[in-house]
N, C-alpha and C. Protein backbone atom coordinates (compact mmCIF):
# COMPACT_ATOMS: atom_id res chain seq x y z
N GLU A 1 116.56 79.32 -65.90
CA GLU A 1 116.94 81.16 -65.40
C GLU A 1 117.74 81.74 -67.05
N GLN A 2 118.82 80.45 -67.43
CA GLN A 2 119.20 80.65 -68.75
C GLN A 2 118.32 80.97 -69.30
N ALA A 3 117.28 79.96 -70.37
CA ALA A 3 115.97 80.38 -70.79
C ALA A 3 116.12 81.70 -70.74
N GLU A 4 115.32 82.44 -69.81
CA GLU A 4 114.74 83.90 -69.98
C GLU A 4 115.92 84.93 -69.94
N LYS A 5 117.08 84.42 -69.29
CA LYS A 5 118.07 85.05 -70.21
C LYS A 5 117.86 85.39 -71.58
N MET A 6 117.84 83.93 -71.91
CA MET A 6 118.09 84.29 -73.67
C MET A 6 116.68 85.11 -74.39
N ILE A 7 115.95 84.73 -73.26
CA ILE A 7 114.60 85.81 -74.01
C ILE A 7 114.99 86.71 -73.95
N GLU A 8 115.32 87.21 -72.51
CA GLU A 8 115.37 88.92 -72.56
C GLU A 8 116.33 89.15 -73.82
N ALA A 9 117.39 88.81 -73.88
CA ALA A 9 118.14 89.04 -74.84
C ALA A 9 118.12 88.82 -76.34
N ALA A 10 117.37 88.00 -76.47
CA ALA A 10 116.96 88.36 -77.67
C ALA A 10 115.27 89.61 -77.96
N GLU A 11 114.67 89.66 -77.06
CA GLU A 11 113.95 90.88 -76.88
C GLU A 11 114.83 92.20 -77.39
N LYS A 12 115.82 92.39 -76.66
CA LYS A 12 115.95 93.31 -76.60
C LYS A 12 117.41 93.49 -77.59
N ASN A 13 117.67 93.28 -78.46
CA ASN A 13 117.93 93.00 -79.46
C ASN A 13 117.87 92.96 -80.93
N LYS A 14 115.81 93.23 -80.51
CA LYS A 14 114.60 92.08 -82.08
C LYS A 14 115.10 91.20 -82.54
N LYS A 15 116.16 89.98 -82.13
CA LYS A 15 116.24 88.58 -82.56
C LYS A 15 115.55 87.69 -82.78
N LEU A 16 115.14 86.83 -83.45
CA LEU A 16 113.95 85.65 -83.21
C LEU A 16 114.62 84.60 -82.75
N LEU A 17 114.31 84.03 -81.77
CA LEU A 17 115.05 83.28 -80.79
C LEU A 17 114.03 82.13 -81.03
N MET A 18 114.59 80.49 -81.17
CA MET A 18 113.80 79.30 -81.43
C MET A 18 114.81 78.36 -81.39
N ILE A 19 113.66 77.04 -80.80
CA ILE A 19 114.81 75.81 -81.11
C ILE A 19 114.93 75.84 -82.18
N GLY A 20 116.07 74.63 -82.16
CA GLY A 20 116.75 74.53 -83.48
C GLY A 20 115.33 73.39 -84.22
N PHE A 21 114.09 73.73 -84.45
CA PHE A 21 114.12 72.95 -85.23
C PHE A 21 113.81 73.53 -86.79
N VAL A 22 114.96 72.61 -86.87
CA VAL A 22 115.56 73.42 -88.80
C VAL A 22 115.11 71.92 -90.08
N CYS A 23 114.07 71.68 -90.46
CA CYS A 23 113.48 70.93 -91.02
C CYS A 23 111.76 72.04 -90.82
N ARG A 24 111.63 72.57 -90.41
CA ARG A 24 110.90 73.23 -91.25
C ARG A 24 110.96 74.10 -92.01
N PHE A 25 113.10 74.64 -92.48
CA PHE A 25 112.77 75.53 -92.93
C PHE A 25 113.45 74.61 -94.30
N GLU A 26 113.53 73.58 -94.53
CA GLU A 26 114.27 72.87 -95.95
C GLU A 26 112.97 72.81 -96.83
N LYS A 27 113.35 72.71 -98.34
CA LYS A 27 112.79 72.83 -99.45
C LYS A 27 111.69 72.18 -99.39
N PRO A 28 112.14 70.96 -99.08
CA PRO A 28 110.57 70.04 -99.28
C PRO A 28 109.73 70.87 -97.69
N SER A 29 109.99 70.62 -96.93
CA SER A 29 108.92 71.28 -95.63
C SER A 29 108.07 73.12 -96.07
N LEU A 30 108.96 74.02 -97.11
CA LEU A 30 108.37 74.64 -97.64
C LEU A 30 107.45 74.66 -98.30
N ILE A 31 107.65 73.31 -99.18
CA ILE A 31 106.42 73.06 -100.59
C ILE A 31 105.40 72.88 -99.68
N ALA A 32 105.87 71.58 -99.12
CA ALA A 32 105.01 70.92 -98.22
C ALA A 32 103.79 72.31 -97.40
N LYS A 33 104.09 72.74 -97.30
CA LYS A 33 103.87 74.10 -96.28
C LYS A 33 102.55 74.65 -97.18
N ASP A 34 103.01 75.14 -98.30
CA ASP A 34 102.65 76.04 -99.65
C ASP A 34 101.30 74.95 -99.41
N PHE A 35 101.55 73.87 -100.46
CA PHE A 35 100.59 72.78 -100.92
C PHE A 35 99.67 73.07 -99.04
N ILE A 36 100.69 72.90 -98.23
CA ILE A 36 98.60 72.66 -97.38
C ILE A 36 97.33 73.34 -97.03
N ASP A 37 98.69 74.86 -97.60
CA ASP A 37 98.06 76.15 -96.73
C ASP A 37 96.27 76.44 -97.68
N LYS A 38 97.29 76.64 -99.16
CA LYS A 38 95.68 76.17 -100.12
C LYS A 38 94.88 75.26 -100.29
N ASP A 39 95.22 74.87 -98.70
CA ASP A 39 94.54 73.53 -98.90
C ASP A 39 94.07 72.28 -100.16
N TYR A 40 95.01 71.68 -100.52
CA TYR A 40 95.35 70.78 -101.26
C TYR A 40 95.52 69.47 -100.40
N LEU A 41 94.85 69.47 -99.04
CA LEU A 41 95.21 68.03 -98.34
C LEU A 41 94.20 67.86 -97.52
N GLY A 42 92.88 68.86 -97.50
CA GLY A 42 91.72 69.01 -96.62
C GLY A 42 92.05 68.74 -94.81
N ASP A 43 91.22 68.51 -95.01
CA ASP A 43 91.83 67.89 -93.16
C ASP A 43 91.92 66.63 -93.31
N ILE A 44 93.70 66.90 -92.56
CA ILE A 44 94.48 66.07 -92.37
C ILE A 44 94.08 65.65 -91.10
N TYR A 45 94.03 64.00 -90.75
CA TYR A 45 93.16 63.24 -89.62
C TYR A 45 94.42 62.46 -89.28
N TYR A 46 95.51 61.81 -90.20
CA TYR A 46 96.53 60.95 -89.82
C TYR A 46 98.10 61.21 -90.51
N THR A 47 98.87 60.62 -89.45
CA THR A 47 100.07 61.55 -90.53
C THR A 47 100.81 59.79 -89.63
N LYS A 48 102.71 59.40 -90.59
CA LYS A 48 102.65 59.22 -90.28
C LYS A 48 104.69 59.51 -90.36
N LEU A 49 104.94 59.17 -89.79
CA LEU A 49 106.15 59.79 -89.78
C LEU A 49 108.02 58.71 -90.01
N PHE A 50 108.57 58.70 -89.81
CA PHE A 50 109.66 57.27 -89.75
C PHE A 50 111.36 57.68 -89.65
N PHE A 51 112.16 57.87 -89.58
CA PHE A 51 113.36 58.64 -89.31
C PHE A 51 114.28 57.39 -88.30
N THR A 52 114.06 56.31 -89.91
CA THR A 52 115.55 55.16 -88.87
C THR A 52 116.64 55.66 -90.28
N ARG A 53 118.04 54.56 -88.78
CA ARG A 53 118.65 54.25 -89.59
C ARG A 53 119.16 52.47 -89.19
N ARG A 54 119.54 52.05 -90.57
CA ARG A 54 119.51 50.70 -90.24
C ARG A 54 120.78 50.24 -88.96
N HIS A 55 122.36 51.36 -88.95
CA HIS A 55 123.03 50.62 -88.82
C HIS A 55 123.65 52.11 -88.38
N GLY A 56 123.00 53.18 -87.95
CA GLY A 56 123.45 54.72 -87.73
C GLY A 56 123.91 54.90 -86.53
N ASN A 57 124.10 53.96 -84.72
CA ASN A 57 124.20 54.66 -83.53
C ASN A 57 125.47 55.29 -84.01
N PRO A 58 125.43 56.88 -83.67
CA PRO A 58 126.65 58.00 -83.47
C PRO A 58 127.90 57.45 -82.27
N GLY A 59 127.27 56.61 -81.22
CA GLY A 59 128.14 56.44 -80.81
C GLY A 59 129.01 57.56 -80.03
N GLY A 60 129.33 57.35 -79.30
CA GLY A 60 129.96 58.53 -77.97
C GLY A 60 128.92 59.39 -76.93
N TRP A 61 128.92 60.52 -76.41
CA TRP A 61 127.79 61.39 -75.47
C TRP A 61 126.60 61.22 -76.41
N PHE A 62 126.65 60.84 -77.54
CA PHE A 62 125.46 60.89 -78.41
C PHE A 62 124.18 59.36 -77.91
N ALA A 63 125.30 58.43 -77.54
CA ALA A 63 124.61 57.38 -76.93
C ALA A 63 125.20 56.68 -75.95
N ASP A 64 125.17 57.42 -74.97
CA ASP A 64 125.25 57.77 -73.85
C ASP A 64 123.81 58.44 -72.99
N LYS A 65 123.63 57.39 -71.73
CA LYS A 65 122.23 58.35 -72.02
C LYS A 65 122.02 59.44 -70.46
N SER A 66 123.08 58.97 -70.08
CA SER A 66 123.13 59.93 -68.78
C SER A 66 124.04 61.36 -68.94
N MET A 67 124.41 61.38 -70.26
CA MET A 67 125.10 63.13 -71.54
C MET A 67 123.95 63.08 -72.07
N SER A 68 123.09 61.90 -72.67
CA SER A 68 122.49 62.13 -74.14
C SER A 68 120.98 62.98 -73.29
N GLY A 69 120.92 62.29 -72.66
CA GLY A 69 119.22 61.95 -72.12
C GLY A 69 117.80 60.55 -73.55
N GLY A 70 118.68 60.33 -73.97
CA GLY A 70 118.01 59.51 -74.31
C GLY A 70 119.17 58.78 -75.44
N GLY A 71 118.14 58.29 -76.75
CA GLY A 71 119.11 58.33 -78.18
C GLY A 71 118.25 58.92 -79.07
N PRO A 72 117.80 57.90 -80.09
CA PRO A 72 116.85 58.30 -81.53
C PRO A 72 114.84 59.19 -81.16
N VAL A 73 115.68 58.69 -80.45
CA VAL A 73 113.21 59.65 -80.38
C VAL A 73 114.16 61.32 -79.97
N ILE A 74 115.42 61.43 -79.67
CA ILE A 74 115.38 62.88 -78.62
C ILE A 74 116.48 63.53 -79.55
N ASP A 75 116.70 62.83 -80.75
CA ASP A 75 118.04 63.06 -81.23
C ASP A 75 117.70 63.29 -82.99
N LEU A 76 116.28 62.31 -83.34
CA LEU A 76 116.39 61.93 -84.83
C LEU A 76 114.16 62.69 -84.62
N ALA A 77 114.17 62.06 -83.99
CA ALA A 77 111.94 61.82 -84.17
C ALA A 77 111.95 62.83 -83.91
N VAL A 78 112.97 63.91 -82.42
CA VAL A 78 111.89 64.98 -82.42
C VAL A 78 111.68 65.98 -83.79
N HIS A 79 112.46 66.40 -84.52
CA HIS A 79 112.51 66.92 -86.09
C HIS A 79 111.35 66.69 -86.84
N SER A 80 110.92 65.02 -86.59
CA SER A 80 110.06 64.46 -87.46
C SER A 80 108.61 65.45 -86.62
N ILE A 81 108.92 64.73 -85.29
CA ILE A 81 107.16 64.87 -84.74
C ILE A 81 107.74 66.90 -85.39
N ASP A 82 108.01 66.88 -84.26
CA ASP A 82 108.00 68.49 -84.74
C ASP A 82 107.28 69.14 -86.70
N LEU A 83 107.91 68.69 -87.18
CA LEU A 83 108.08 69.15 -88.49
C LEU A 83 106.37 68.60 -89.15
N ILE A 84 106.04 67.54 -88.63
CA ILE A 84 104.34 66.90 -88.61
C ILE A 84 103.26 67.98 -87.91
N ARG A 85 103.97 68.05 -86.70
CA ARG A 85 102.74 69.07 -85.53
C ARG A 85 102.84 70.30 -86.40
N TYR A 86 103.85 70.60 -86.69
CA TYR A 86 103.81 72.78 -87.56
C TYR A 86 102.88 72.07 -88.84
N LEU A 87 102.76 70.77 -89.32
CA LEU A 87 102.49 71.00 -90.43
C LEU A 87 100.31 71.07 -90.68
N MET A 88 100.25 70.19 -89.62
CA MET A 88 99.66 70.12 -89.18
C MET A 88 98.62 71.30 -88.53
N GLY A 89 98.95 72.32 -88.43
CA GLY A 89 99.21 73.93 -87.70
C GLY A 89 99.15 73.44 -85.99
N ASN A 90 100.11 73.08 -85.17
CA ASN A 90 99.88 72.08 -83.96
C ASN A 90 99.13 71.82 -83.25
N PRO A 91 98.56 71.07 -83.79
CA PRO A 91 97.49 70.29 -82.77
C PRO A 91 97.97 70.29 -81.40
N LYS A 92 96.99 69.76 -80.27
CA LYS A 92 97.74 69.62 -78.88
C LYS A 92 97.21 68.37 -78.41
N PRO A 93 98.66 67.80 -78.41
CA PRO A 93 98.87 66.58 -78.05
C PRO A 93 98.01 65.32 -76.83
N VAL A 94 97.36 65.04 -77.34
CA VAL A 94 95.95 64.65 -75.13
C VAL A 94 96.85 63.25 -74.93
N SER A 95 97.13 62.74 -75.92
CA SER A 95 97.77 60.78 -75.25
C SER A 95 99.29 60.42 -76.45
N VAL A 96 99.73 59.28 -76.33
CA VAL A 96 100.79 58.55 -76.55
C VAL A 96 100.89 57.86 -75.51
N TYR A 97 101.18 56.48 -76.91
CA TYR A 97 101.44 54.98 -76.35
C TYR A 97 102.64 54.87 -77.36
N ALA A 98 104.23 54.58 -76.57
CA ALA A 98 105.18 54.45 -77.14
C ALA A 98 105.60 53.34 -76.62
N VAL A 99 106.13 52.61 -76.99
CA VAL A 99 107.78 52.04 -77.21
C VAL A 99 109.28 52.18 -77.38
N THR A 100 110.25 51.27 -76.61
CA THR A 100 111.52 51.51 -76.75
C THR A 100 111.99 50.26 -76.36
N TYR A 101 112.95 49.92 -77.59
CA TYR A 101 114.20 48.96 -77.38
C TYR A 101 114.94 49.37 -77.65
N ASP A 102 116.28 48.48 -76.73
CA ASP A 102 117.52 48.39 -77.04
C ASP A 102 118.08 46.92 -77.36
N LYS A 103 117.38 46.84 -78.34
CA LYS A 103 117.82 44.54 -78.59
C LYS A 103 119.33 44.68 -79.59
N LEU A 104 119.66 45.61 -80.09
CA LEU A 104 120.30 45.88 -80.68
C LEU A 104 122.29 46.72 -80.51
N GLY A 105 121.76 47.46 -80.05
CA GLY A 105 123.08 48.23 -79.78
C GLY A 105 124.04 49.33 -80.49
N LYS A 106 124.67 49.09 -80.04
CA LYS A 106 125.98 49.24 -81.66
C LYS A 106 125.93 48.10 -82.93
N ARG A 107 126.10 47.58 -82.93
CA ARG A 107 126.80 46.37 -83.37
C ARG A 107 128.11 46.83 -84.19
N ASP A 108 129.08 46.63 -82.90
CA ASP A 108 130.66 46.57 -82.98
C ASP A 108 131.15 45.46 -83.99
N HIS A 109 130.52 44.48 -84.86
CA HIS A 109 130.59 43.59 -85.08
C HIS A 109 130.27 43.40 -87.05
N LEU A 110 129.76 44.27 -86.97
CA LEU A 110 129.56 44.20 -88.60
C LEU A 110 130.15 44.48 -89.24
N LYS A 111 131.06 44.56 -90.45
CA LYS A 111 131.36 45.27 -91.01
C LYS A 111 131.27 45.71 -92.58
N ASN A 112 129.75 46.00 -91.94
CA ASN A 112 129.92 46.76 -93.60
C ASN A 112 128.42 47.23 -92.96
N GLY A 113 128.30 48.71 -93.65
CA GLY A 113 126.81 49.72 -93.07
C GLY A 113 127.20 50.22 -92.00
N VAL A 114 128.11 50.55 -91.70
CA VAL A 114 128.09 51.30 -90.41
C VAL A 114 128.41 53.06 -90.96
N SER A 115 128.13 53.46 -91.10
CA SER A 115 126.91 55.15 -90.80
C SER A 115 127.76 56.47 -90.14
N TYR A 116 128.06 55.42 -88.30
CA TYR A 116 129.24 56.53 -87.99
C TYR A 116 130.42 55.77 -87.51
N LYS A 117 130.86 56.91 -86.61
CA LYS A 117 132.35 56.09 -86.13
C LYS A 117 132.36 57.66 -84.96
N PRO A 118 132.41 57.36 -83.74
CA PRO A 118 132.82 58.49 -83.03
C PRO A 118 134.50 58.20 -83.06
N LYS A 119 134.52 59.66 -82.93
CA LYS A 119 136.16 59.71 -82.90
C LYS A 119 136.24 59.72 -80.96
N ASP A 120 135.94 59.82 -80.40
CA ASP A 120 136.34 58.99 -79.34
C ASP A 120 135.71 58.03 -79.00
N THR A 121 136.59 56.85 -78.76
CA THR A 121 135.77 55.26 -78.75
C THR A 121 136.03 55.18 -77.38
N SER A 122 137.38 56.01 -77.03
CA SER A 122 137.75 54.99 -75.09
C SER A 122 135.84 55.59 -74.11
N LYS A 123 135.49 56.11 -74.79
CA LYS A 123 133.93 55.90 -73.78
C LYS A 123 132.81 56.55 -74.44
N ASP A 124 133.19 55.38 -75.28
CA ASP A 124 131.71 54.53 -76.44
C ASP A 124 131.07 53.60 -75.23
N VAL A 125 130.04 54.09 -75.49
CA VAL A 125 129.06 53.14 -74.55
C VAL A 125 128.03 53.53 -75.05
N CYS A 126 126.79 52.38 -74.96
CA CYS A 126 124.85 52.45 -75.87
C CYS A 126 124.41 51.95 -74.80
N THR A 127 123.85 52.99 -73.78
CA THR A 127 123.05 53.39 -73.44
C THR A 127 121.50 53.79 -73.38
N VAL A 128 121.80 53.79 -74.53
CA VAL A 128 120.36 54.92 -75.09
C VAL A 128 119.53 53.48 -75.91
N GLU A 129 117.94 53.63 -75.65
CA GLU A 129 117.15 52.09 -76.87
C GLU A 129 118.30 52.70 -78.24
N ASP A 130 117.31 51.74 -79.30
CA ASP A 130 118.14 52.05 -79.93
C ASP A 130 116.56 51.80 -81.37
N PHE A 131 115.52 51.55 -80.37
CA PHE A 131 113.80 51.56 -82.29
C PHE A 131 112.78 52.02 -80.53
N ALA A 132 112.35 52.92 -81.09
CA ALA A 132 111.01 53.24 -80.60
C ALA A 132 110.06 53.49 -82.04
N SER A 133 108.96 53.53 -81.47
CA SER A 133 107.62 53.30 -82.15
C SER A 133 106.94 54.04 -81.03
N ALA A 134 105.42 55.50 -82.02
CA ALA A 134 104.47 55.43 -80.80
C ALA A 134 103.50 56.67 -81.62
N MET A 135 102.68 56.27 -80.78
CA MET A 135 101.27 56.55 -81.24
C MET A 135 100.49 57.58 -80.62
N ILE A 136 100.40 59.32 -81.36
CA ILE A 136 100.15 60.33 -80.64
C ILE A 136 99.08 60.86 -81.13
N LYS A 137 98.02 60.61 -79.93
CA LYS A 137 96.82 61.27 -80.74
C LYS A 137 96.41 63.03 -79.75
N TYR A 138 95.77 63.64 -81.18
CA TYR A 138 96.03 64.96 -80.71
C TYR A 138 93.88 65.63 -80.13
N GLU A 139 94.33 66.80 -79.68
CA GLU A 139 92.59 66.89 -79.82
C GLU A 139 91.79 67.12 -80.65
N ASP A 140 92.17 67.61 -81.22
CA ASP A 140 91.63 67.25 -82.73
C ASP A 140 90.80 65.76 -83.36
N GLY A 141 91.30 64.85 -82.86
CA GLY A 141 91.31 63.38 -83.33
C GLY A 141 91.75 63.11 -84.25
N SER A 142 92.45 64.02 -84.13
CA SER A 142 93.80 63.27 -85.98
C SER A 142 94.82 62.29 -85.13
N VAL A 143 95.58 61.61 -85.41
CA VAL A 143 97.09 60.94 -85.18
C VAL A 143 98.42 61.12 -85.84
N THR A 144 99.57 60.56 -85.37
CA THR A 144 100.46 60.50 -86.29
C THR A 144 101.07 58.99 -85.33
N TYR A 145 101.44 58.02 -86.12
CA TYR A 145 102.48 57.10 -86.12
C TYR A 145 104.32 57.18 -86.23
N MET A 146 105.01 56.90 -85.50
CA MET A 146 106.68 57.16 -85.03
C MET A 146 106.60 56.33 -85.53
N GLU A 147 107.82 56.07 -85.84
CA GLU A 147 109.25 54.86 -85.72
C GLU A 147 110.76 55.44 -86.28
N THR A 148 110.64 55.69 -85.14
CA THR A 148 112.44 55.65 -85.07
C THR A 148 113.61 55.04 -84.45
N SER A 149 115.17 55.05 -84.77
CA SER A 149 115.76 54.21 -84.85
C SER A 149 116.83 54.70 -85.17
N TYR A 150 118.24 54.15 -84.09
CA TYR A 150 119.67 54.27 -84.87
C TYR A 150 120.45 53.22 -85.71
N SER A 151 119.87 51.80 -85.01
CA SER A 151 119.66 50.46 -85.59
C SER A 151 119.07 49.91 -85.30
N LEU A 152 118.64 48.91 -86.64
CA LEU A 152 117.54 48.37 -86.48
C LEU A 152 117.45 47.09 -88.53
N ASN A 153 116.67 46.35 -88.42
CA ASN A 153 116.59 45.39 -88.58
C ASN A 153 116.56 45.64 -90.28
N GLY A 154 115.67 47.07 -90.79
CA GLY A 154 115.14 47.13 -92.08
C GLY A 154 116.01 48.49 -92.40
N PRO A 155 115.13 48.89 -93.34
CA PRO A 155 115.69 49.93 -94.78
C PRO A 155 116.08 51.53 -93.94
N ASP A 156 116.60 52.31 -93.81
CA ASP A 156 116.79 53.48 -93.33
C ASP A 156 115.88 54.70 -94.04
N GLU A 157 115.73 55.24 -93.45
CA GLU A 157 114.17 55.73 -93.71
C GLU A 157 114.00 56.92 -93.21
N TYR A 158 113.95 57.77 -94.19
CA TYR A 158 113.55 59.09 -93.67
C TYR A 158 112.39 59.54 -94.11
N LYS A 159 111.20 59.80 -93.37
CA LYS A 159 109.92 60.51 -93.87
C LYS A 159 108.42 61.09 -93.76
N GLN A 160 107.83 61.61 -94.21
CA GLN A 160 106.76 62.21 -93.39
C GLN A 160 105.61 61.58 -93.96
N ILE A 161 103.90 60.92 -94.02
CA ILE A 161 102.83 61.39 -94.67
C ILE A 161 102.65 61.86 -93.78
N LEU A 162 101.14 62.24 -95.26
CA LEU A 162 100.03 63.26 -94.08
C LEU A 162 98.61 62.38 -95.36
N TYR A 163 97.82 62.21 -94.32
CA TYR A 163 96.43 62.36 -95.08
C TYR A 163 95.89 63.29 -94.19
N GLY A 164 94.70 63.74 -95.41
CA GLY A 164 93.98 64.40 -95.91
C GLY A 164 92.62 63.82 -95.94
N THR A 165 91.21 64.54 -96.51
CA THR A 165 89.78 64.32 -96.81
C THR A 165 90.00 65.05 -98.83
N LYS A 166 91.41 65.26 -98.90
CA LYS A 166 91.73 66.27 -100.31
C LYS A 166 92.70 64.93 -101.02
N GLY A 167 93.61 65.28 -100.07
CA GLY A 167 94.75 63.90 -100.72
C GLY A 167 95.46 63.95 -100.27
N GLY A 168 96.90 63.59 -100.72
CA GLY A 168 97.54 63.33 -99.30
C GLY A 168 98.65 63.29 -99.20
N MET A 169 99.64 63.08 -99.28
CA MET A 169 101.64 63.74 -98.97
C MET A 169 102.71 63.44 -98.63
N GLU A 170 103.40 63.11 -99.50
CA GLU A 170 104.45 62.03 -98.51
C GLU A 170 105.98 63.07 -98.91
N ILE A 171 105.98 63.62 -97.56
CA ILE A 171 107.78 64.56 -98.18
C ILE A 171 109.03 63.63 -97.80
N THR A 172 110.10 63.23 -98.70
CA THR A 172 111.19 63.28 -98.49
C THR A 172 112.08 63.91 -98.05
N ASP A 173 112.89 64.14 -99.47
CA ASP A 173 113.36 65.23 -100.28
C ASP A 173 113.15 65.48 -100.62
N LYS A 174 111.95 65.67 -101.88
CA LYS A 174 111.51 65.98 -102.45
C LYS A 174 109.51 65.59 -101.22
N VAL A 175 108.55 66.13 -102.54
CA VAL A 175 107.59 66.48 -102.42
C VAL A 175 106.60 65.75 -103.69
N LYS A 176 105.37 64.32 -102.79
CA LYS A 176 104.43 63.86 -103.30
C LYS A 176 103.35 64.17 -102.99
N LEU A 177 102.25 64.88 -104.07
CA LEU A 177 101.29 64.82 -103.61
C LEU A 177 100.25 64.16 -104.28
N TYR A 178 99.54 63.21 -103.57
CA TYR A 178 98.39 62.28 -103.72
C TYR A 178 97.08 63.04 -103.36
N THR A 179 96.46 63.15 -105.58
CA THR A 179 95.26 63.78 -105.18
C THR A 179 93.79 63.41 -105.84
N GLU A 180 93.12 63.78 -106.55
CA GLU A 180 92.72 63.35 -107.52
C GLU A 180 92.45 64.59 -108.70
N CYS A 181 92.15 64.12 -109.87
CA CYS A 181 92.20 65.46 -110.83
C CYS A 181 91.49 65.15 -111.46
N ASN A 182 89.55 65.57 -112.20
CA ASN A 182 89.56 65.63 -112.98
C ASN A 182 88.58 64.27 -112.94
N ASP A 183 88.27 63.78 -111.17
CA ASP A 183 87.81 62.28 -111.35
C ASP A 183 88.72 61.14 -111.41
N TYR A 184 90.03 61.67 -111.55
CA TYR A 184 90.57 60.79 -111.95
C TYR A 184 92.24 59.84 -110.20
N LEU A 185 92.39 59.17 -110.18
CA LEU A 185 93.45 59.36 -108.92
C LEU A 185 94.40 59.37 -109.67
N ALA A 186 95.75 61.07 -108.78
CA ALA A 186 96.91 61.14 -110.02
C ALA A 186 97.92 61.22 -108.52
N ASP A 187 99.00 61.30 -110.08
CA ASP A 187 100.33 61.11 -108.00
C ASP A 187 100.41 62.26 -109.30
N ILE A 188 101.25 63.59 -107.60
CA ILE A 188 101.97 64.40 -108.80
C ILE A 188 103.16 64.23 -107.68
N ASN A 189 104.46 64.00 -108.27
CA ASN A 189 105.94 64.42 -107.74
C ASN A 189 106.00 66.05 -107.94
N ILE A 190 106.53 66.66 -107.08
CA ILE A 190 106.88 68.40 -106.69
C ILE A 190 107.78 68.37 -106.67
């Protein structure tokens, strides 16, 4: 009912209403979309995304499943999944294999590397997953592999990688194109 009222208000006021998938509008994403639209990658058949934090559990309501509904999958990875699908032309998912783990939690005992500290620690619990991995298959046969975490014994990573028949692309805070030029393998930093 609330969503219908929002749509009605947007239409009445001739405004754009959309879900907050802000990654689509970041500069590297706009650059990537421009190259993809000009067919530099060809047929995109495999993608990977990583949105991992080594020690970045935000705590507070974010880590309370009764309030947030979940952890890094719905907080972090959802943005990268949206971006990847957007860049691929929004293929329809047909199957997903996924796993989640809650092995490390908040790791309050650590003396260094703390990324986030909640303001209100009186209700600071951790009932969400701290790591998740998934494989998403789409109707056109393409696949996305995903990793996300709040807490992981590994590096902080934020990147999306797309593999196509003409080239590949890595998107971080910049864009790198992997392609061929004059019959040579070429890496282009953009």
